[in-house]
PDB file of N, CA and C in Angstrom:
ATOM      1  N   UNK A   1       0.812  -1.167   0.029  1.00  0.00           N
ATOM      2  CA  UNK A   1      -0.004  -0.031   0.062  1.00  0.00           C
ATOM      3  C   UNK A   1       0.882   1.331   0.102  1.00  0.00           C
ATOM      4  N   UNK A   2       2.063   1.272   0.805  1.00  0.00           N
ATOM      5  CA  UNK A   2       2.846   2.336   0.755  1.00  0.00           C
ATOM      6  C   UNK A   2       3.346   2.676  -0.623  1.00  0.00           C
ATOM      7  N   UNK A   3       3.603   1.743  -1.418  1.00  0.00           N
ATOM      8  CA  UNK A   3       4.151   1.815  -2.881  1.00  0.00           C
ATOM      9  C   UNK A   3       3.164   2.690  -3.580  1.00  0.00           C
ATOM     10  N   UNK A   4       1.755   2.451  -3.413  1.00  0.00           N
ATOM     11  CA  UNK A   4       0.772   3.002  -4.194  1.00  0.00           C
ATOM     12  C   UNK A   4       0.538   4.444  -3.673  1.00  0.00           C
ATOM     13  N   UNK A   5       0.654   4.721  -2.386  1.00  0.00           N
ATOM     14  CA  UNK A   5       0.670   6.075  -1.884  1.00  0.00           C
ATOM     15  C   UNK A   5       1.731   6.915  -2.389  1.00  0.00           C
ATOM     16  N   UNK A   6       2.795   6.342  -2.336  1.00  0.00           N
ATOM     17  CA  UNK A   6       3.964   7.100  -2.756  1.00  0.00           C
ATOM     18  C   UNK A   6       3.883   7.357  -4.349  1.00  0.00           C
ATOM     19  N   UNK A   7       3.419   6.387  -5.035  1.00  0.00           N
ATOM     20  CA  UNK A   7       3.305   6.603  -6.647  1.00  0.00           C
ATOM     21  C   UNK A   7       2.216   7.812  -6.705  1.00  0.00           C
ATOM     22  N   UNK A   8       1.094   7.722  -5.948  1.00  0.00           N
ATOM     23  CA  UNK A   8       0.132   8.734  -6.139  1.00  0.00           C
ATOM     24  C   UNK A   8       0.638  10.018  -5.810  1.00  0.00           C
ATOM     25  N   UNK A   9       1.414  10.167  -4.753  1.00  0.00           N
ATOM     26  CA  UNK A   9       2.090  11.428  -4.349  1.00  0.00           C
ATOM     27  C   UNK A   9       3.057  11.980  -5.560  1.00  0.00           C
ATOM     28  N   UNK A  10       3.767  11.015  -6.056  1.00  0.00           N
ATOM     29  CA  UNK A  10       4.798  11.439  -7.247  1.00  0.00           C
ATOM     30  C   UNK A  10       4.008  11.944  -8.417  1.00  0.00           C
ATOM     31  N   UNK A  11       2.906  11.241  -8.781  1.00  0.00           N
ATOM     32  CA  UNK A  11       2.196  11.574  -9.879  1.00  0.00           C
ATOM     33  C   UNK A  11       1.421  12.924  -9.749  1.00  0.00           C
ATOM     34  N   UNK A  12       0.796  13.103  -8.520  1.00  0.00           N
ATOM     35  CA  UNK A  12       0.229  14.477  -8.386  1.00  0.00           C
ATOM     36  C   UNK A  12       1.317  15.746  -8.338  1.00  0.00           C
ATOM     37  N   UNK A  13       2.454  15.339  -7.772  1.00  0.00           N
ATOM     38  CA  UNK A  13       3.600  16.406  -7.753  1.00  0.00           C
ATOM     39  C   UNK A  13       3.932  16.787  -9.223  1.00  0.00           C
ATOM     40  N   UNK A  14       3.993  15.748 -10.077  1.00  0.00           N
ATOM     41  CA  UNK A  14       4.480  15.849 -11.468  1.00  0.00           C
ATOM     42  C   UNK A  14       3.393  16.819 -12.332  1.00  0.00           C
ATOM     43  N   UNK A  15       2.109  16.395 -11.905  1.00  0.00           N
ATOM     44  CA  UNK A  15       1.066  17.104 -12.632  1.00  0.00           C
ATOM     45  C   UNK A  15       1.074  18.545 -12.091  1.00  0.00           C
ATOM     46  N   UNK A  16       1.257  18.891 -10.757  1.00  0.00           N
ATOM     47  CA  UNK A  16       1.162  20.131 -10.179  1.00  0.00           C
ATOM     48  C   UNK A  16       2.399  20.978 -10.730  1.00  0.00           C
ATOM     49  N   UNK A  17       3.628  20.391 -10.944  1.00  0.00           N
ATOM     50  CA  UNK A  17       4.656  20.958 -11.623  1.00  0.00           C
ATOM     51  C   UNK A  17       4.401  21.522 -12.992  1.00  0.00           C
ATOM     52  N   UNK A  18       3.716  20.478 -13.785  1.00  0.00           N
ATOM     53  CA  UNK A  18       3.338  20.947 -15.210  1.00  0.00           C
ATOM     54  C   UNK A  18       2.313  22.118 -15.070  1.00  0.00           C
ATOM     55  N   UNK A  19       1.383  22.045 -14.274  1.00  0.00           N
ATOM     56  CA  UNK A  19       0.414  23.164 -14.234  1.00  0.00           C
ATOM     57  C   UNK A  19       1.016  24.483 -13.709  1.00  0.00           C
ATOM     58  N   UNK A  20       1.883  24.408 -12.831  1.00  0.00           N
ATOM     59  CA  UNK A  20       2.524  25.610 -12.270  1.00  0.00           C
ATOM     60  C   UNK A  20       3.347  26.221 -13.317  1.00  0.00           C
ATOM     61  N   UNK A  21       4.095  25.514 -14.067  1.00  0.00           N
ATOM     62  CA  UNK A  21       5.078  25.917 -15.227  1.00  0.00           C
ATOM     63  C   UNK A  21       4.058  26.612 -16.247  1.00  0.00           C
ATOM     64  N   UNK A  22       3.118  25.950 -16.587  1.00  0.00           N
ATOM     65  CA  UNK A  22       2.098  26.379 -17.545  1.00  0.00           C
ATOM     66  C   UNK A  22       1.665  27.752 -17.158  1.00  0.00           C
ATOM     67  N   UNK A  23       1.102  27.861 -15.855  1.00  0.00           N
ATOM     68  CA  UNK A  23       0.715  29.098 -15.327  1.00  0.00           C
ATOM     69  C   UNK A  23       1.612  30.258 -15.373  1.00  0.00           C
ATOM     70  N   UNK A  24       2.940  29.882 -15.108  1.00  0.00           N
ATOM     71  CA  UNK A  24       3.942  30.933 -14.892  1.00  0.00           C
ATOM     72  C   UNK A  24       4.434  31.420 -16.280  1.00  0.00           C
ATOM     73  N   UNK A  25       4.243  30.527 -17.326  1.00  0.00           N
ATOM     74  CA  UNK A  25       4.560  31.090 -18.668  1.00  0.00           C
ATOM     75  C   UNK A  25       3.728  32.141 -19.225  1.00  0.00           C
ATOM     76  N   UNK A  26       2.611  32.254 -18.896  1.00  0.00           N
ATOM     77  CA  UNK A  26       1.744  33.417 -19.233  1.00  0.00           C
ATOM     78  C   UNK A  26       1.058  33.127 -20.627  1.00  0.00           C
ATOM     79  N   UNK A  27       1.468  31.916 -21.347  1.00  0.00           N
ATOM     80  CA  UNK A  27       0.891  31.425 -22.473  1.00  0.00           C
ATOM     81  C   UNK A  27       0.057  30.191 -22.366  1.00  0.00           C
ATOM     82  N   UNK A  28      -0.901  29.953 -23.324  1.00  0.00           N
ATOM     83  CA  UNK A  28      -1.491  28.595 -23.321  1.00  0.00           C
ATOM     84  C   UNK A  28      -0.443  27.632 -23.539  1.00  0.00           C
ATOM     85  N   UNK A  29      -0.598  26.467 -22.709  1.00  0.00           N
ATOM     86  CA  UNK A  29       0.512  25.551 -22.924  1.00  0.00           C
ATOM     87  C   UNK A  29       0.265  24.662 -24.172  1.00  0.00           C
ATOM     88  N   UNK A  30       1.375  24.279 -24.670  1.00  0.00           N
ATOM     89  CA  UNK A  30       1.221  23.354 -25.948  1.00  0.00           C
ATOM     90  C   UNK A  30       0.479  22.085 -25.773  1.00  0.00           C
ATOM     91  N   UNK A  31      -0.046  21.728 -26.965  1.00  0.00           N
ATOM     92  CA  UNK A  31      -0.967  20.468 -26.815  1.00  0.00           C
ATOM     93  C   UNK A  31      -0.233  19.295 -26.011  1.00  0.00           C
ATOM     94  N   UNK A  32       1.039  19.172 -26.217  1.00  0.00           N
ATOM     95  CA  UNK A  32       1.722  17.965 -25.511  1.00  0.00           C
ATOM     96  C   UNK A  32       1.693  18.299 -24.032  1.00  0.00           C
ATOM     97  N   UNK A  33       1.739  19.401 -23.562  1.00  0.00           N
ATOM     98  CA  UNK A  33       1.758  19.674 -21.972  1.00  0.00           C
ATOM     99  C   UNK A  33       0.308  19.341 -21.537  1.00  0.00           C
ATOM    100  N   UNK A  34      -0.631  19.898 -22.214  1.00  0.00           N
ATOM    101  CA  UNK A  34      -2.083  19.643 -21.846  1.00  0.00           C
ATOM    102  C   UNK A  34      -2.363  18.201 -21.854  1.00  0.00           C
ATOM    103  N   UNK A  35      -1.931  17.457 -22.931  1.00  0.00           N
ATOM    104  CA  UNK A  35      -2.018  15.985 -22.967  1.00  0.00           C
ATOM    105  C   UNK A  35      -1.487  15.238 -21.769  1.00  0.00           C
ATOM    106  N   UNK A  36      -0.226  15.728 -21.447  1.00  0.00           N
ATOM    107  CA  UNK A  36       0.527  15.088 -20.271  1.00  0.00           C
ATOM    108  C   UNK A  36      -0.248  15.298 -19.087  1.00  0.00           C
ATOM    109  N   UNK A  37      -0.701  16.526 -18.791  1.00  0.00           N
ATOM    110  CA  UNK A  37      -1.603  16.770 -17.623  1.00  0.00           C
ATOM    111  C   UNK A  37      -2.731  15.889 -17.425  1.00  0.00           C
ATOM    112  N   UNK A  38      -3.436  15.643 -18.606  1.00  0.00           N
ATOM    113  CA  UNK A  38      -4.459  14.815 -18.720  1.00  0.00           C
ATOM    114  C   UNK A  38      -4.208  13.435 -18.408  1.00  0.00           C
ATOM    115  N   UNK A  39      -3.098  12.918 -18.986  1.00  0.00           N
ATOM    116  CA  UNK A  39      -2.588  11.519 -18.868  1.00  0.00           C
ATOM    117  C   UNK A  39      -2.344  11.259 -17.408  1.00  0.00           C
ATOM    118  N   UNK A  40      -1.631  12.383 -16.789  1.00  0.00           N
ATOM    119  CA  UNK A  40      -1.302  12.259 -15.267  1.00  0.00           C
ATOM    120  C   UNK A  40      -2.601  12.060 -14.304  1.00  0.00           C
ATOM    121  N   UNK A  41      -3.616  12.911 -14.852  1.00  0.00           N
ATOM    122  CA  UNK A  41      -4.861  12.923 -14.176  1.00  0.00           C
ATOM    123  C   UNK A  41      -5.530  11.393 -14.217  1.00  0.00           C
ATOM    124  N   UNK A  42      -5.437  10.885 -15.370  1.00  0.00           N
ATOM    125  CA  UNK A  42      -6.018   9.497 -15.597  1.00  0.00           C
ATOM    126  C   UNK A  42      -5.215   8.481 -14.623  1.00  0.00           C
ATOM    127  N   UNK A  43      -3.826   8.577 -14.628  1.00  0.00           N
ATOM    128  CA  UNK A  43      -3.081   7.787 -13.880  1.00  0.00           C
ATOM    129  C   UNK A  43      -3.347   7.999 -12.327  1.00  0.00           C
ATOM    130  N   UNK A  44      -3.604   9.286 -11.876  1.00  0.00           N
ATOM    131  CA  UNK A  44      -3.917   9.501 -10.464  1.00  0.00           C
ATOM    132  C   UNK A  44      -5.175   8.727 -10.139  1.00  0.00           C
ATOM    133  N   UNK A  45      -6.120   8.957 -10.965  1.00  0.00           N
ATOM    134  CA  UNK A  45      -7.519   8.338 -10.607  1.00  0.00           C
ATOM    135  C   UNK A  45      -7.330   6.917 -10.503  1.00  0.00           C
ATOM    136  N   UNK A  46      -6.627   6.277 -11.579  1.00  0.00           N
ATOM    137  CA  UNK A  46      -6.656   4.903 -11.515  1.00  0.00           C
ATOM    138  C   UNK A  46      -5.810   4.363 -10.167  1.00  0.00           C
ATOM    139  N   UNK A  47      -4.733   4.926  -9.713  1.00  0.00           N
ATOM    140  CA  UNK A  47      -3.992   4.629  -8.689  1.00  0.00           C
ATOM    141  C   UNK A  47      -4.929   4.831  -7.423  1.00  0.00           C
ATOM    142  N   UNK A  48      -5.614   5.968  -7.233  1.00  0.00           N
ATOM    143  CA  UNK A  48      -6.487   6.161  -6.222  1.00  0.00           C
ATOM    144  C   UNK A  48      -7.637   5.172  -6.093  1.00  0.00           C
ATOM    145  N   UNK A  49      -8.097   4.598  -7.296  1.00  0.00           N
ATOM    146  CA  UNK A  49      -9.163   3.524  -7.172  1.00  0.00           C
ATOM    147  C   UNK A  49      -8.656   2.327  -6.657  1.00  0.00           C
ATOM    148  N   UNK A  50      -7.309   1.969  -7.008  1.00  0.00           N
ATOM    149  CA  UNK A  50      -6.749   0.813  -6.406  1.00  0.00           C
ATOM    150  C   UNK A  50      -6.485   0.876  -5.008  1.00  0.00           C
ATOM    151  N   UNK A  51      -6.117   2.072  -4.525  1.00  0.00           N
ATOM    152  CA  UNK A  51      -5.902   2.434  -3.074  1.00  0.00           C
ATOM    153  C   UNK A  51      -7.308   2.103  -2.411  1.00  0.00           C
ATOM    154  N   UNK A  52      -8.359   2.734  -2.982  1.00  0.00           N
ATOM    155  CA  UNK A  52      -9.572   2.759  -2.356  1.00  0.00           C
ATOM    156  C   UNK A  52     -10.108   1.206  -2.197  1.00  0.00           C
ATOM    157  N   UNK A  53      -9.958   0.478  -3.254  1.00  0.00           N
ATOM    158  CA  UNK A  53     -10.288  -0.894  -3.458  1.00  0.00           C
ATOM    159  C   UNK A  53      -9.512  -1.734  -2.335  1.00  0.00           C
ATOM    160  N   UNK A  54      -8.379  -1.439  -2.039  1.00  0.00           N
ATOM    161  CA  UNK A  54      -7.445  -2.057  -1.277  1.00  0.00           C
ATOM    162  C   UNK A  54      -7.622  -1.606   0.199  1.00  0.00           C
ATOM    163  N   UNK A  55      -8.492  -0.627   0.516  1.00  0.00           N
ATOM    164  CA  UNK A  55      -8.524  -0.171   1.813  1.00  0.00           C
ATOM    165  C   UNK A  55      -9.308  -1.336   2.667  1.00  0.00           C
ATOM    166  N   UNK A  56      -8.841  -1.566   3.982  1.00  0.00           N
ATOM    167  CA  UNK A  56      -9.466  -2.558   4.671  1.00  0.00           C
ATOM    168  C   UNK A  56     -10.841  -2.571   4.806  1.00  0.00           C
ATOM    169  N   UNK A  57     -11.749  -1.402   4.812  1.00  0.00           N
ATOM    170  CA  UNK A  57     -13.065  -1.339   4.964  1.00  0.00           C
ATOM    171  C   UNK A  57     -13.819  -1.890   3.861  1.00  0.00           C
ATOM    172  N   UNK A  58     -13.034  -1.920   2.656  1.00  0.00           N
ATOM    173  CA  UNK A  58     -13.576  -2.254   1.397  1.00  0.00           C
ATOM    174  C   UNK A  58     -13.356  -3.843   1.075  1.00  0.00           C
ATOM    175  N   UNK A  59     -12.503  -4.479   1.808  1.00  0.00           N
ATOM    176  CA  UNK A  59     -12.273  -5.894   1.599  1.00  0.00           C
ATOM    177  C   UNK A  59     -13.387  -6.754   2.183  1.00  0.00           C
ATOM    178  N   UNK A  60     -13.625  -7.657   1.313  1.00  0.00           N
ATOM    179  CA  UNK A  60     -14.778  -8.618   1.521  1.00  0.00           C
ATOM    180  C   UNK A  60     -14.298 -10.054   2.171  1.00  0.00           C
TER     181      UNK A  60
END
């Protein structure tokens, strides 16, 4: 579980870094950056879903 939590933290930090750089540039980010932010969001949601499924209260 710790590995999943750490992965979630790293993914969120990477996404935040991209968003902050885009905001600081003062321009609309290139399509590749927008795509990467979106891909990171999907990865974050997938990892969080696995964490939720693995939570002791959700085990059957």
